[in-house]
């Protein structure tokens, strides 16, 4: 249960950081957090498949933020069309 809560917290933090990094290309705070959470899960999964990264909380935050930024960027591209 604690690991699920930690994953959610990291995902929400990654969504928030992703919205700050994207500067105005986001979807609003709530949707940025949701997309960031999904992006964080995808980022962690992809980095795990690639065997990239290390352990620890800092790496989880970094990989989640990268995943969130990429997904926020993709969503912003799709919304423009």
PDB file of N, CA and C in Angstrom:
ATOM      1  N   UNK A   1       0.823  -1.192   0.000  1.00  0.00           N
ATOM      2  CA  UNK A   1       0.000   0.000   0.000  1.00  0.00           C
ATOM      3  C   UNK A   1       0.868   1.257   0.000  1.00  0.00           C
ATOM      4  N   UNK A   2       1.949   1.219   0.771  1.00  0.00           N
ATOM      5  CA  UNK A   2       2.832   2.386   0.822  1.00  0.00           C
ATOM      6  C   UNK A   2       3.494   2.646  -0.519  1.00  0.00           C
ATOM      7  N   UNK A   3       3.838   1.585  -1.237  1.00  0.00           N
ATOM      8  CA  UNK A   3       4.494   1.771  -2.534  1.00  0.00           C
ATOM      9  C   UNK A   3       3.530   2.384  -3.549  1.00  0.00           C
ATOM     10  N   UNK A   4       2.250   2.048  -3.467  1.00  0.00           N
ATOM     11  CA  UNK A   4       1.261   2.646  -4.362  1.00  0.00           C
ATOM     12  C   UNK A   4       1.119   4.130  -4.062  1.00  0.00           C
ATOM     13  N   UNK A   5       1.054   4.480  -2.796  1.00  0.00           N
ATOM     14  CA  UNK A   5       0.948   5.891  -2.414  1.00  0.00           C
ATOM     15  C   UNK A   5       2.195   6.667  -2.810  1.00  0.00           C
ATOM     16  N   UNK A   6       3.349   6.059  -2.654  1.00  0.00           N
ATOM     17  CA  UNK A   6       4.594   6.711  -3.053  1.00  0.00           C
ATOM     18  C   UNK A   6       4.635   6.912  -4.564  1.00  0.00           C
ATOM     19  N   UNK A   7       4.185   5.913  -5.313  1.00  0.00           N
ATOM     20  CA  UNK A   7       4.133   6.031  -6.772  1.00  0.00           C
ATOM     21  C   UNK A   7       3.188   7.148  -7.188  1.00  0.00           C
ATOM     22  N   UNK A   8       2.035   7.235  -6.552  1.00  0.00           N
ATOM     23  CA  UNK A   8       1.093   8.316  -6.849  1.00  0.00           C
ATOM     24  C   UNK A   8       1.689   9.679  -6.523  1.00  0.00           C
ATOM     25  N   UNK A   9       2.338   9.782  -5.377  1.00  0.00           N
ATOM     26  CA  UNK A   9       2.945  11.056  -4.984  1.00  0.00           C
ATOM     27  C   UNK A   9       4.044  11.466  -5.960  1.00  0.00           C
ATOM     28  N   UNK A  10       4.873  10.525  -6.358  1.00  0.00           N
ATOM     29  CA  UNK A  10       5.942  10.821  -7.322  1.00  0.00           C
ATOM     30  C   UNK A  10       5.337  11.220  -8.663  1.00  0.00           C
ATOM     31  N   UNK A  11       4.287  10.531  -9.085  1.00  0.00           N
ATOM     32  CA  UNK A  11       3.624  10.864 -10.343  1.00  0.00           C
ATOM     33  C   UNK A  11       3.015  12.252 -10.329  1.00  0.00           C
ATOM     34  N   UNK A  12       2.377  12.608  -9.230  1.00  0.00           N
ATOM     35  CA  UNK A  12       1.799  13.949  -9.124  1.00  0.00           C
ATOM     36  C   UNK A  12       2.891  15.012  -9.095  1.00  0.00           C
ATOM     37  N   UNK A  13       3.964  14.740  -8.383  1.00  0.00           N
ATOM     38  CA  UNK A  13       5.095  15.667  -8.368  1.00  0.00           C
ATOM     39  C   UNK A  13       5.685  15.807  -9.766  1.00  0.00           C
ATOM     40  N   UNK A  14       5.811  14.698 -10.472  1.00  0.00           N
ATOM     41  CA  UNK A  14       6.341  14.733 -11.839  1.00  0.00           C
ATOM     42  C   UNK A  14       5.418  15.521 -12.757  1.00  0.00           C
ATOM     43  N   UNK A  15       4.118  15.377 -12.586  1.00  0.00           N
ATOM     44  CA  UNK A  15       3.171  16.152 -13.378  1.00  0.00           C
ATOM     45  C   UNK A  15       3.297  17.636 -13.115  1.00  0.00           C
ATOM     46  N   UNK A  16       3.476  17.986 -11.852  1.00  0.00           N
ATOM     47  CA  UNK A  16       3.663  19.396 -11.498  1.00  0.00           C
ATOM     48  C   UNK A  16       4.967  19.929 -12.085  1.00  0.00           C
ATOM     49  N   UNK A  17       6.050  19.178 -11.914  1.00  0.00           N
ATOM     50  CA  UNK A  17       7.337  19.605 -12.477  1.00  0.00           C
ATOM     51  C   UNK A  17       7.274  19.676 -14.000  1.00  0.00           C
ATOM     52  N   UNK A  18       6.584  18.720 -14.603  1.00  0.00           N
ATOM     53  CA  UNK A  18       6.421  18.730 -16.055  1.00  0.00           C
ATOM     54  C   UNK A  18       5.680  19.962 -16.533  1.00  0.00           C
ATOM     55  N   UNK A  19       4.649  20.371 -15.786  1.00  0.00           N
ATOM     56  CA  UNK A  19       3.904  21.568 -16.176  1.00  0.00           C
ATOM     57  C   UNK A  19       4.765  22.815 -16.040  1.00  0.00           C
ATOM     58  N   UNK A  20       5.657  22.838 -15.059  1.00  0.00           N
ATOM     59  CA  UNK A  20       6.579  23.974 -14.923  1.00  0.00           C
ATOM     60  C   UNK A  20       7.581  23.998 -16.072  1.00  0.00           C
ATOM     61  N   UNK A  21       8.061  22.832 -16.456  1.00  0.00           N
ATOM     62  CA  UNK A  21       9.044  22.740 -17.539  1.00  0.00           C
ATOM     63  C   UNK A  21       8.412  23.113 -18.878  1.00  0.00           C
ATOM     64  N   UNK A  22       7.165  22.707 -19.098  1.00  0.00           N
ATOM     65  CA  UNK A  22       6.499  22.966 -20.376  1.00  0.00           C
ATOM     66  C   UNK A  22       6.069  24.428 -20.530  1.00  0.00           C
ATOM     67  N   UNK A  23       5.967  25.180 -19.472  1.00  0.00           N
ATOM     68  CA  UNK A  23       5.660  26.621 -19.486  1.00  0.00           C
ATOM     69  C   UNK A  23       4.566  27.013 -20.471  1.00  0.00           C
ATOM     70  N   UNK A  24       3.343  26.859 -20.064  1.00  0.00           N
ATOM     71  CA  UNK A  24       2.238  27.334 -20.872  1.00  0.00           C
ATOM     72  C   UNK A  24       1.754  26.371 -21.937  1.00  0.00           C
ATOM     73  N   UNK A  25       2.423  25.265 -22.136  1.00  0.00           N
ATOM     74  CA  UNK A  25       1.977  24.293 -23.134  1.00  0.00           C
ATOM     75  C   UNK A  25       1.149  23.192 -22.487  1.00  0.00           C
ATOM     76  N   UNK A  26       0.838  23.384 -21.234  1.00  0.00           N
ATOM     77  CA  UNK A  26       0.119  22.354 -20.509  1.00  0.00           C
ATOM     78  C   UNK A  26      -1.386  22.477 -20.678  1.00  0.00           C
ATOM     79  N   UNK A  27      -2.099  21.783 -19.833  1.00  0.00           N
ATOM     80  CA  UNK A  27      -3.545  21.658 -19.947  1.00  0.00           C
ATOM     81  C   UNK A  27      -4.270  22.226 -18.739  1.00  0.00           C
ATOM     82  N   UNK A  28      -3.603  22.962 -17.914  1.00  0.00           N
ATOM     83  CA  UNK A  28      -4.159  23.366 -16.639  1.00  0.00           C
ATOM     84  C   UNK A  28      -3.620  22.440 -15.558  1.00  0.00           C
ATOM     85  N   UNK A  29      -3.647  22.914 -14.348  1.00  0.00           N
ATOM     86  CA  UNK A  29      -2.985  22.201 -13.255  1.00  0.00           C
ATOM     87  C   UNK A  29      -3.513  20.779 -13.066  1.00  0.00           C
ATOM     88  N   UNK A  30      -4.817  20.618 -12.994  1.00  0.00           N
ATOM     89  CA  UNK A  30      -5.381  19.293 -12.701  1.00  0.00           C
ATOM     90  C   UNK A  30      -5.071  18.302 -13.826  1.00  0.00           C
ATOM     91  N   UNK A  31      -5.311  18.701 -15.066  1.00  0.00           N
ATOM     92  CA  UNK A  31      -5.015  17.786 -16.177  1.00  0.00           C
ATOM     93  C   UNK A  31      -3.521  17.536 -16.319  1.00  0.00           C
ATOM     94  N   UNK A  32      -2.700  18.543 -16.028  1.00  0.00           N
ATOM     95  CA  UNK A  32      -1.249  18.325 -16.040  1.00  0.00           C
ATOM     96  C   UNK A  32      -0.861  17.267 -15.019  1.00  0.00           C
ATOM     97  N   UNK A  33      -1.476  17.313 -13.843  1.00  0.00           N
ATOM     98  CA  UNK A  33      -1.164  16.320 -12.812  1.00  0.00           C
ATOM     99  C   UNK A  33      -1.582  14.920 -13.260  1.00  0.00           C
ATOM    100  N   UNK A  34      -2.753  14.820 -13.878  1.00  0.00           N
ATOM    101  CA  UNK A  34      -3.230  13.509 -14.338  1.00  0.00           C
ATOM    102  C   UNK A  34      -2.343  12.981 -15.465  1.00  0.00           C
ATOM    103  N   UNK A  35      -2.083  13.834 -16.466  1.00  0.00           N
ATOM    104  CA  UNK A  35      -1.211  13.420 -17.569  1.00  0.00           C
ATOM    105  C   UNK A  35       0.190  13.128 -17.039  1.00  0.00           C
ATOM    106  N   UNK A  36       0.643  13.929 -16.083  1.00  0.00           N
ATOM    107  CA  UNK A  36       1.948  13.696 -15.473  1.00  0.00           C
ATOM    108  C   UNK A  36       2.016  12.373 -14.749  1.00  0.00           C
ATOM    109  N   UNK A  37       0.949  12.011 -14.076  1.00  0.00           N
ATOM    110  CA  UNK A  37       0.905  10.729 -13.378  1.00  0.00           C
ATOM    111  C   UNK A  37       1.011   9.576 -14.372  1.00  0.00           C
ATOM    112  N   UNK A  38       0.260   9.660 -15.458  1.00  0.00           N
ATOM    113  CA  UNK A  38       0.323   8.618 -16.493  1.00  0.00           C
ATOM    114  C   UNK A  38       1.709   8.604 -17.139  1.00  0.00           C
ATOM    115  N   UNK A  39       2.231   9.784 -17.447  1.00  0.00           N
ATOM    116  CA  UNK A  39       3.566   9.873 -18.037  1.00  0.00           C
ATOM    117  C   UNK A  39       4.639   9.336 -17.109  1.00  0.00           C
ATOM    118  N   UNK A  40       4.471   9.570 -15.828  1.00  0.00           N
ATOM    119  CA  UNK A  40       5.432   9.064 -14.852  1.00  0.00           C
ATOM    120  C   UNK A  40       5.425   7.541 -14.823  1.00  0.00           C
ATOM    121  N   UNK A  41       4.241   6.960 -14.861  1.00  0.00           N
ATOM    122  CA  UNK A  41       4.153   5.499 -14.888  1.00  0.00           C
ATOM    123  C   UNK A  41       4.779   4.952 -16.164  1.00  0.00           C
ATOM    124  N   UNK A  42       4.475   5.596 -17.296  1.00  0.00           N
ATOM    125  CA  UNK A  42       5.064   5.158 -18.564  1.00  0.00           C
ATOM    126  C   UNK A  42       6.578   5.354 -18.575  1.00  0.00           C
ATOM    127  N   UNK A  43       7.036   6.486 -18.054  1.00  0.00           N
ATOM    128  CA  UNK A  43       8.475   6.751 -18.009  1.00  0.00           C
ATOM    129  C   UNK A  43       9.218   5.722 -17.178  1.00  0.00           C
ATOM    130  N   UNK A  44       8.677   5.413 -16.010  1.00  0.00           N
ATOM    131  CA  UNK A  44       9.297   4.397 -15.166  1.00  0.00           C
ATOM    132  C   UNK A  44       9.314   3.036 -15.830  1.00  0.00           C
ATOM    133  N   UNK A  45       8.232   2.712 -16.527  1.00  0.00           N
ATOM    134  CA  UNK A  45       8.132   1.428 -17.218  1.00  0.00           C
ATOM    135  C   UNK A  45       9.131   1.345 -18.371  1.00  0.00           C
ATOM    136  N   UNK A  46       9.192   2.405 -19.190  1.00  0.00           N
ATOM    137  CA  UNK A  46      10.099   2.400 -20.345  1.00  0.00           C
ATOM    138  C   UNK A  46      11.555   2.354 -19.895  1.00  0.00           C
ATOM    139  N   UNK A  47      11.917   3.179 -18.915  1.00  0.00           N
ATOM    140  CA  UNK A  47      13.293   3.160 -18.431  1.00  0.00           C
ATOM    141  C   UNK A  47      13.640   1.803 -17.835  1.00  0.00           C
ATOM    142  N   UNK A  48      12.681   1.172 -17.178  1.00  0.00           N
ATOM    143  CA  UNK A  48      12.906  -0.168 -16.643  1.00  0.00           C
ATOM    144  C   UNK A  48      13.145  -1.190 -17.743  1.00  0.00           C
ATOM    145  N   UNK A  49      12.357  -1.097 -18.822  1.00  0.00           N
ATOM    146  CA  UNK A  49      12.544  -2.012 -19.958  1.00  0.00           C
ATOM    147  C   UNK A  49      13.905  -1.824 -20.615  1.00  0.00           C
ATOM    148  N   UNK A  50      14.338  -0.572 -20.685  1.00  0.00           N
ATOM    149  CA  UNK A  50      15.624  -0.277 -21.311  1.00  0.00           C
ATOM    150  C   UNK A  50      16.805  -0.592 -20.400  1.00  0.00           C
ATOM    151  N   UNK A  51      16.518  -0.853 -19.140  1.00  0.00           N
ATOM    152  CA  UNK A  51      17.586  -1.133 -18.190  1.00  0.00           C
ATOM    153  C   UNK A  51      18.396   0.098 -17.837  1.00  0.00           C
ATOM    154  N   UNK A  52      17.784   1.257 -18.006  1.00  0.00           N
ATOM    155  CA  UNK A  52      18.465   2.525 -17.749  1.00  0.00           C
ATOM    156  C   UNK A  52      18.100   3.011 -16.354  1.00  0.00           C
ATOM    157  N   UNK A  53      19.071   3.576 -15.683  1.00  0.00           N
ATOM    158  CA  UNK A  53      18.783   4.218 -14.404  1.00  0.00           C
ATOM    159  C   UNK A  53      19.285   3.434 -13.224  1.00  0.00           C
ATOM    160  N   UNK A  54      18.969   3.969 -12.120  1.00  0.00           N
ATOM    161  CA  UNK A  54      19.382   3.347 -10.880  1.00  0.00           C
ATOM    162  C   UNK A  54      18.201   3.260  -9.948  1.00  0.00           C
ATOM    163  N   UNK A  55      18.478   2.936  -8.753  1.00  0.00           N
ATOM    164  CA  UNK A  55      17.424   2.860  -7.770  1.00  0.00           C
ATOM    165  C   UNK A  55      17.326   4.152  -6.990  1.00  0.00           C
ATOM    166  N   UNK A  56      16.427   4.178  -6.112  1.00  0.00           N
ATOM    167  CA  UNK A  56      16.310   5.312  -5.223  1.00  0.00           C
ATOM    168  C   UNK A  56      15.242   6.307  -5.632  1.00  0.00           C
ATOM    169  N   UNK A  57      14.901   7.110  -4.683  1.00  0.00           N
ATOM    170  CA  UNK A  57      13.835   8.086  -4.851  1.00  0.00           C
ATOM    171  C   UNK A  57      14.178   9.145  -5.886  1.00  0.00           C
ATOM    172  N   UNK A  58      15.414   9.617  -5.888  1.00  0.00           N
ATOM    173  CA  UNK A  58      15.804  10.661  -6.842  1.00  0.00           C
ATOM    174  C   UNK A  58      15.667  10.164  -8.277  1.00  0.00           C
ATOM    175  N   UNK A  59      16.119   8.964  -8.570  1.00  0.00           N
ATOM    176  CA  UNK A  59      15.988   8.428  -9.926  1.00  0.00           C
ATOM    177  C   UNK A  59      14.520   8.257 -10.302  1.00  0.00           C
ATOM    178  N   UNK A  60      13.682   7.828  -9.374  1.00  0.00           N
ATOM    179  CA  UNK A  60      12.257   7.685  -9.659  1.00  0.00           C
ATOM    180  C   UNK A  60      11.645   9.031 -10.030  1.00  0.00           C
ATOM    181  N   UNK A  61      12.023  10.074  -9.313  1.00  0.00           N
ATOM    182  CA  UNK A  61      11.499  11.411  -9.611  1.00  0.00           C
ATOM    183  C   UNK A  61      11.994  11.883 -10.974  1.00  0.00           C
ATOM    184  N   UNK A  62      13.267  11.660 -11.274  1.00  0.00           N
ATOM    185  CA  UNK A  62      13.832  12.087 -12.562  1.00  0.00           C
ATOM    186  C   UNK A  62      13.163  11.345 -13.717  1.00  0.00           C
ATOM    187  N   UNK A  63      13.071  10.028 -13.634  1.00  0.00           N
ATOM    188  CA  UNK A  63      12.473   9.261 -14.736  1.00  0.00           C
ATOM    189  C   UNK A  63      10.989   9.584 -14.884  1.00  0.00           C
ATOM    190  N   UNK A  64      10.304   9.785 -13.773  1.00  0.00           N
ATOM    191  CA  UNK A  64       8.888  10.140 -13.837  1.00  0.00           C
ATOM    192  C   UNK A  64       8.696  11.508 -14.467  1.00  0.00           C
ATOM    193  N   UNK A  65       9.551  12.454 -14.133  1.00  0.00           N
ATOM    194  CA  UNK A  65       9.445  13.798 -14.703  1.00  0.00           C
ATOM    195  C   UNK A  65       9.732  13.774 -16.199  1.00  0.00           C
ATOM    196  N   UNK A  66      10.721  13.014 -16.619  1.00  0.00           N
ATOM    197  CA  UNK A  66      11.013  12.888 -18.054  1.00  0.00           C
ATOM    198  C   UNK A  66       9.802  12.297 -18.779  1.00  0.00           C
ATOM    199  N   UNK A  67       9.235  11.250 -18.229  1.00  0.00           N
ATOM    200  CA  UNK A  67       8.042  10.651 -18.835  1.00  0.00           C
ATOM    201  C   UNK A  67       6.875  11.621 -18.877  1.00  0.00           C
ATOM    202  N   UNK A  68       6.687  12.394 -17.805  1.00  0.00           N
ATOM    203  CA  UNK A  68       5.597  13.365 -17.757  1.00  0.00           C
ATOM    204  C   UNK A  68       5.789  14.464 -18.789  1.00  0.00           C
ATOM    205  N   UNK A  69       7.008  14.978 -18.915  1.00  0.00           N
ATOM    206  CA  UNK A  69       7.282  16.041 -19.887  1.00  0.00           C
ATOM    207  C   UNK A  69       7.037  15.533 -21.307  1.00  0.00           C
ATOM    208  N   UNK A  70       7.495  14.336 -21.603  1.00  0.00           N
ATOM    209  CA  UNK A  70       7.300  13.781 -22.947  1.00  0.00           C
ATOM    210  C   UNK A  70       5.815  13.611 -23.244  1.00  0.00           C
ATOM    211  N   UNK A  71       5.065  13.071 -22.292  1.00  0.00           N
ATOM    212  CA  UNK A  71       3.638  12.871 -22.528  1.00  0.00           C
ATOM    213  C   UNK A  71       2.903  14.207 -22.620  1.00  0.00           C
ATOM    214  N   UNK A  72       3.248  15.180 -21.787  1.00  0.00           N
ATOM    215  CA  UNK A  72       2.631  16.506 -21.888  1.00  0.00           C
ATOM    216  C   UNK A  72       2.932  17.140 -23.237  1.00  0.00           C
ATOM    217  N   UNK A  73       4.138  16.950 -23.733  1.00  0.00           N
ATOM    218  CA  UNK A  73       4.511  17.489 -25.042  1.00  0.00           C
ATOM    219  C   UNK A  73       3.687  16.831 -26.149  1.00  0.00           C
ATOM    220  N   UNK A  74       3.539  15.510 -26.082  1.00  0.00           N
ATOM    221  CA  UNK A  74       2.745  14.789 -27.084  1.00  0.00           C
ATOM    222  C   UNK A  74       1.290  15.248 -27.046  1.00  0.00           C
ATOM    223  N   UNK A  75       0.735  15.379 -25.848  1.00  0.00           N
ATOM    224  CA  UNK A  75      -0.654  15.825 -25.720  1.00  0.00           C
ATOM    225  C   UNK A  75      -0.816  17.237 -26.273  1.00  0.00           C
ATOM    226  N   UNK A  76       0.152  18.112 -26.020  1.00  0.00           N
ATOM    227  CA  UNK A  76       0.049  19.479 -26.547  1.00  0.00           C
ATOM    228  C   UNK A  76       0.115  19.484 -28.072  1.00  0.00           C
ATOM    229  N   UNK A  77       0.899  18.597 -28.674  1.00  0.00           N
ATOM    230  CA  UNK A  77       0.949  18.493 -30.137  1.00  0.00           C
ATOM    231  C   UNK A  77      -0.377  18.000 -30.703  1.00  0.00           C
ATOM    232  N   UNK A  78      -0.963  17.006 -30.061  1.00  0.00           N
ATOM    233  CA  UNK A  78      -2.226  16.440 -30.528  1.00  0.00           C
ATOM    234  C   UNK A  78      -3.352  17.465 -30.395  1.00  0.00           C
ATOM    235  N   UNK A  79      -3.355  18.228 -29.333  1.00  0.00           N
ATOM    236  CA  UNK A  79      -4.412  19.225 -29.119  1.00  0.00           C
ATOM    237  C   UNK A  79      -4.334  20.369 -30.110  1.00  0.00           C
ATOM    238  N   UNK A  80      -3.159  20.653 -30.660  1.00  0.00           N
ATOM    239  CA  UNK A  80      -3.017  21.734 -31.633  1.00  0.00           C
ATOM    240  C   UNK A  80      -3.665  21.392 -32.962  1.00  0.00           C
ATOM    241  N   UNK A  81      -3.743  20.118 -33.280  1.00  0.00           N
ATOM    242  CA  UNK A  81      -4.252  19.705 -34.599  1.00  0.00           C
ATOM    243  C   UNK A  81      -5.729  19.650 -34.629  1.00  0.00           C
TER     244      UNK A  81
END
